[in-house]
N, C-alpha and C. Protein backbone atom coordinates (compact mmCIF):
# COMPACT_ATOMS: atom_id res chain seq x y z
N HIS A 1 -106.20 -230.05 -70.57
CA HIS A 1 -107.49 -229.75 -69.38
C HIS A 1 -108.34 -231.21 -69.34
N SER A 2 -108.42 -232.00 -70.31
CA SER A 2 -109.33 -233.19 -69.93
C SER A 2 -108.61 -234.00 -69.10
N ILE A 3 -107.49 -233.90 -69.19
CA ILE A 3 -106.66 -234.73 -68.14
C ILE A 3 -106.74 -234.62 -67.06
N CYS A 4 -106.87 -233.26 -66.69
CA CYS A 4 -107.30 -232.65 -65.31
C CYS A 4 -108.60 -233.03 -64.78
N ILE A 5 -109.81 -232.87 -65.87
CA ILE A 5 -110.81 -233.43 -65.49
C ILE A 5 -111.11 -234.91 -65.38
N ALA A 6 -110.69 -235.50 -65.97
CA ALA A 6 -110.42 -237.05 -65.75
C ALA A 6 -110.02 -237.45 -64.43
N HIS A 7 -109.12 -236.68 -64.12
CA HIS A 7 -108.42 -236.99 -62.77
C HIS A 7 -109.22 -236.92 -61.55
N LYS A 8 -110.19 -235.50 -61.83
CA LYS A 8 -110.66 -235.07 -60.67
C LYS A 8 -112.12 -235.75 -60.29
N LEU A 9 -112.66 -236.05 -61.91
CA LEU A 9 -113.98 -237.11 -61.80
C LEU A 9 -113.75 -238.46 -61.14
N ASN A 10 -112.29 -239.09 -61.45
CA ASN A 10 -112.02 -240.09 -60.93
C ASN A 10 -111.71 -240.11 -59.31
N LEU A 11 -111.16 -238.83 -58.82
CA LEU A 11 -111.48 -238.86 -57.28
C LEU A 11 -112.70 -238.68 -56.91
N ILE A 12 -113.74 -237.72 -57.44
CA ILE A 12 -115.10 -237.81 -56.99
C ILE A 12 -115.45 -239.24 -56.89
N VAL A 13 -115.55 -240.11 -57.70
CA VAL A 13 -116.09 -241.25 -58.06
C VAL A 13 -115.61 -242.22 -56.50
N LYS A 14 -114.10 -242.12 -56.70
CA LYS A 14 -113.43 -242.78 -55.41
C LYS A 14 -114.04 -242.54 -53.95
N LYS A 15 -114.06 -241.34 -53.93
CA LYS A 15 -114.63 -240.65 -52.28
C LYS A 15 -116.06 -240.92 -52.51
N SER A 16 -116.91 -241.12 -53.24
CA SER A 16 -118.23 -241.42 -53.23
C SER A 16 -118.47 -243.06 -53.06
N CYS A 17 -117.64 -243.81 -53.96
CA CYS A 17 -117.67 -245.04 -53.22
C CYS A 17 -117.10 -245.45 -51.92
N ASP A 18 -116.22 -244.83 -51.28
CA ASP A 18 -115.49 -244.94 -50.16
C ASP A 18 -116.84 -244.87 -49.23
N GLN A 19 -117.82 -244.15 -49.49
CA GLN A 19 -118.99 -243.17 -48.69
C GLN A 19 -120.02 -244.87 -48.57
N ILE A 20 -119.96 -245.53 -49.50
CA ILE A 20 -120.77 -246.54 -49.45
C ILE A 20 -120.26 -247.82 -49.10
N PRO A 21 -120.97 -248.37 -48.10
CA PRO A 21 -119.97 -249.53 -47.24
C PRO A 21 -119.97 -250.79 -48.17
N GLU A 22 -121.02 -251.20 -48.95
CA GLU A 22 -121.06 -252.36 -49.75
C GLU A 22 -119.76 -252.06 -50.85
N LEU A 23 -119.61 -251.06 -51.44
CA LEU A 23 -118.55 -250.79 -52.30
C LEU A 23 -117.28 -250.89 -51.94
N SER A 24 -117.17 -249.82 -50.76
CA SER A 24 -115.89 -250.00 -50.22
C SER A 24 -115.34 -251.41 -49.80
N SER A 25 -116.28 -252.11 -49.00
CA SER A 25 -116.07 -253.45 -48.87
C SER A 25 -115.43 -254.45 -50.07
N ILE A 26 -115.91 -254.19 -51.17
CA ILE A 26 -115.63 -254.79 -52.32
C ILE A 26 -114.01 -254.49 -52.76
N ARG A 27 -114.02 -253.00 -52.70
CA ARG A 27 -112.75 -252.65 -53.08
C ARG A 27 -111.77 -253.23 -51.97
N HIS A 28 -112.12 -253.21 -51.04
CA HIS A 28 -111.02 -253.75 -49.57
C HIS A 28 -110.65 -255.36 -50.00
N LYS A 29 -111.73 -255.81 -50.37
CA LYS A 29 -111.68 -257.56 -50.46
C LYS A 29 -110.86 -257.59 -51.82
N SER A 30 -111.01 -256.63 -53.16
CA SER A 30 -110.23 -256.86 -54.02
C SER A 30 -108.57 -256.65 -53.95
N ARG A 31 -108.41 -255.80 -53.20
CA ARG A 31 -107.12 -255.19 -52.71
C ARG A 31 -106.32 -256.54 -51.98
N GLN A 32 -107.00 -257.13 -51.41
CA GLN A 32 -106.40 -258.35 -50.65
C GLN A 32 -106.13 -259.65 -51.51
N ILE A 33 -107.41 -259.73 -52.63
CA ILE A 33 -106.86 -260.94 -53.41
C ILE A 33 -105.93 -260.63 -54.22
N MET A 34 -105.54 -259.43 -54.98
CA MET A 34 -104.59 -259.11 -55.84
C MET A 34 -103.14 -259.64 -55.38
N PRO A 35 -102.78 -259.55 -54.06
CA PRO A 35 -101.61 -259.73 -53.78
C PRO A 35 -101.38 -261.59 -53.69
N PHE A 36 -102.34 -262.06 -53.65
CA PHE A 36 -102.22 -263.59 -53.56
C PHE A 36 -102.14 -264.27 -55.00
N PHE A 37 -102.79 -263.34 -56.08
CA PHE A 37 -102.58 -263.94 -57.43
C PHE A 37 -100.95 -263.52 -57.60
N ARG A 38 -100.38 -262.45 -57.17
CA ARG A 38 -99.31 -262.15 -57.47
C ARG A 38 -98.09 -262.47 -57.04
N SER A 39 -98.12 -263.38 -55.70
CA SER A 39 -97.33 -263.95 -55.20
C SER A 39 -97.42 -265.40 -55.46
N SER A 40 -98.27 -265.93 -55.68
CA SER A 40 -98.24 -267.43 -55.86
C SER A 40 -98.77 -268.08 -57.75
N SER A 41 -97.74 -268.64 -58.02
CA SER A 41 -97.63 -269.03 -59.27
C SER A 41 -98.78 -269.95 -59.82
N THR A 42 -98.90 -270.85 -58.95
CA THR A 42 -99.98 -271.93 -58.95
C THR A 42 -101.47 -270.89 -59.04
N ALA A 43 -101.60 -270.06 -58.26
CA ALA A 43 -102.75 -269.33 -58.41
C ALA A 43 -102.82 -268.78 -59.55
N LYS A 44 -101.87 -268.24 -60.23
CA LYS A 44 -101.93 -267.56 -61.79
C LYS A 44 -102.28 -268.65 -62.43
N GLU A 45 -101.79 -269.80 -62.64
CA GLU A 45 -101.86 -270.67 -63.34
C GLU A 45 -103.38 -271.20 -63.34
N LYS A 46 -103.93 -271.37 -62.22
CA LYS A 46 -105.34 -271.50 -61.91
C LYS A 46 -106.37 -270.57 -62.61
N LEU A 47 -105.81 -269.44 -62.27
CA LEU A 47 -106.62 -268.41 -62.95
C LEU A 47 -106.61 -268.35 -64.20
N THR A 48 -105.59 -268.24 -64.79
CA THR A 48 -105.57 -268.84 -66.61
C THR A 48 -106.32 -269.84 -66.81
N GLN A 49 -106.22 -270.73 -66.33
CA GLN A 49 -106.66 -271.97 -66.71
C GLN A 49 -108.70 -271.68 -66.42
N VAL A 50 -109.03 -271.06 -65.76
CA VAL A 50 -110.41 -270.61 -65.57
C VAL A 50 -110.80 -269.66 -66.50
N GLN A 51 -109.88 -268.69 -66.98
CA GLN A 51 -110.09 -267.63 -68.09
C GLN A 51 -110.05 -268.08 -69.38
N GLN A 52 -109.39 -268.98 -69.68
CA GLN A 52 -109.38 -269.54 -71.11
C GLN A 52 -110.77 -269.90 -71.67
N PRO A 53 -111.43 -270.93 -70.95
CA PRO A 53 -112.53 -271.61 -71.68
C PRO A 53 -113.72 -270.40 -71.41
N MET A 54 -113.46 -269.47 -70.62
CA MET A 54 -114.75 -268.65 -70.48
C MET A 54 -114.40 -267.65 -71.87
N GLY A 55 -113.45 -267.82 -72.60
CA GLY A 55 -113.32 -266.86 -73.64
C GLY A 55 -112.53 -265.21 -72.99
N ARG A 56 -111.99 -265.45 -71.97
CA ARG A 56 -111.72 -264.35 -71.29
C ARG A 56 -110.24 -264.06 -71.39
N PRO A 57 -109.63 -262.76 -71.62
CA PRO A 57 -108.34 -262.68 -72.14
C PRO A 57 -107.41 -262.69 -70.75
N THR A 58 -106.39 -263.65 -70.84
CA THR A 58 -105.40 -263.55 -69.52
C THR A 58 -104.53 -262.37 -69.61
N LEU A 59 -104.99 -261.33 -68.92
CA LEU A 59 -104.35 -260.24 -68.83
C LEU A 59 -103.87 -260.19 -67.23
N ALA A 60 -102.82 -259.41 -67.05
CA ALA A 60 -102.08 -259.39 -65.69
C ALA A 60 -103.04 -258.33 -64.96
N LEU A 61 -103.25 -258.83 -63.61
CA LEU A 61 -104.24 -258.12 -62.95
C LEU A 61 -103.44 -256.63 -62.26
N GLN A 62 -104.17 -255.83 -62.53
CA GLN A 62 -104.01 -254.57 -62.06
C GLN A 62 -104.87 -253.69 -60.82
N PHE A 63 -104.42 -252.92 -60.11
CA PHE A 63 -105.19 -252.42 -59.39
C PHE A 63 -104.99 -250.71 -59.49
N LEU A 64 -105.72 -250.03 -59.90
CA LEU A 64 -105.20 -248.64 -60.50
C LEU A 64 -105.67 -247.90 -59.19
N CYS A 65 -104.90 -246.87 -58.82
CA CYS A 65 -105.16 -246.10 -57.81
C CYS A 65 -104.61 -244.61 -58.30
N THR A 66 -105.36 -243.82 -58.27
CA THR A 66 -104.87 -242.24 -58.69
C THR A 66 -104.55 -241.60 -57.58
N PRO A 67 -103.03 -241.28 -57.12
CA PRO A 67 -102.85 -240.32 -55.99
C PRO A 67 -103.16 -239.20 -56.21
N ALA A 68 -103.55 -238.24 -55.47
CA ALA A 68 -103.52 -236.65 -56.02
C ALA A 68 -102.57 -236.14 -56.59
N SER A 69 -101.19 -236.84 -56.29
CA SER A 69 -100.22 -236.20 -56.99
C SER A 69 -100.01 -236.72 -58.29
N SER A 70 -100.58 -237.63 -58.85
CA SER A 70 -99.96 -238.35 -59.90
C SER A 70 -100.15 -237.62 -61.44
N VAL A 71 -101.34 -236.60 -61.37
CA VAL A 71 -101.65 -236.17 -62.28
C VAL A 71 -101.32 -234.54 -62.43
N PRO A 72 -100.60 -234.11 -63.15
CA PRO A 72 -100.31 -232.47 -62.61
C PRO A 72 -101.72 -231.57 -63.33
N CYS A 73 -102.42 -230.85 -62.82
CA CYS A 73 -103.45 -230.03 -63.14
C CYS A 73 -102.97 -228.67 -63.11
N GLU A 74 -103.52 -228.04 -64.37
CA GLU A 74 -103.54 -226.59 -64.26
C GLU A 74 -104.65 -226.04 -63.50
N ARG A 75 -104.47 -224.86 -62.73
CA ARG A 75 -105.57 -224.55 -61.78
C ARG A 75 -105.86 -223.14 -62.27
């Protein structure tokens, strides 16, 4: 049941963020940035060069989205 609760909480937060124009704008911009880094090896390399001196881990970029049907919930 904890997965179901976490899933429902995620959907509530997502819908709430969609109602706040500033947060919705940030989410939209991040969705536009991600394909740029995925499609350009030069951009990925530059991102890595910026992250390393900052002590940031060079992880793969991910945009997590939870479709309503992705997690089965008992009702």
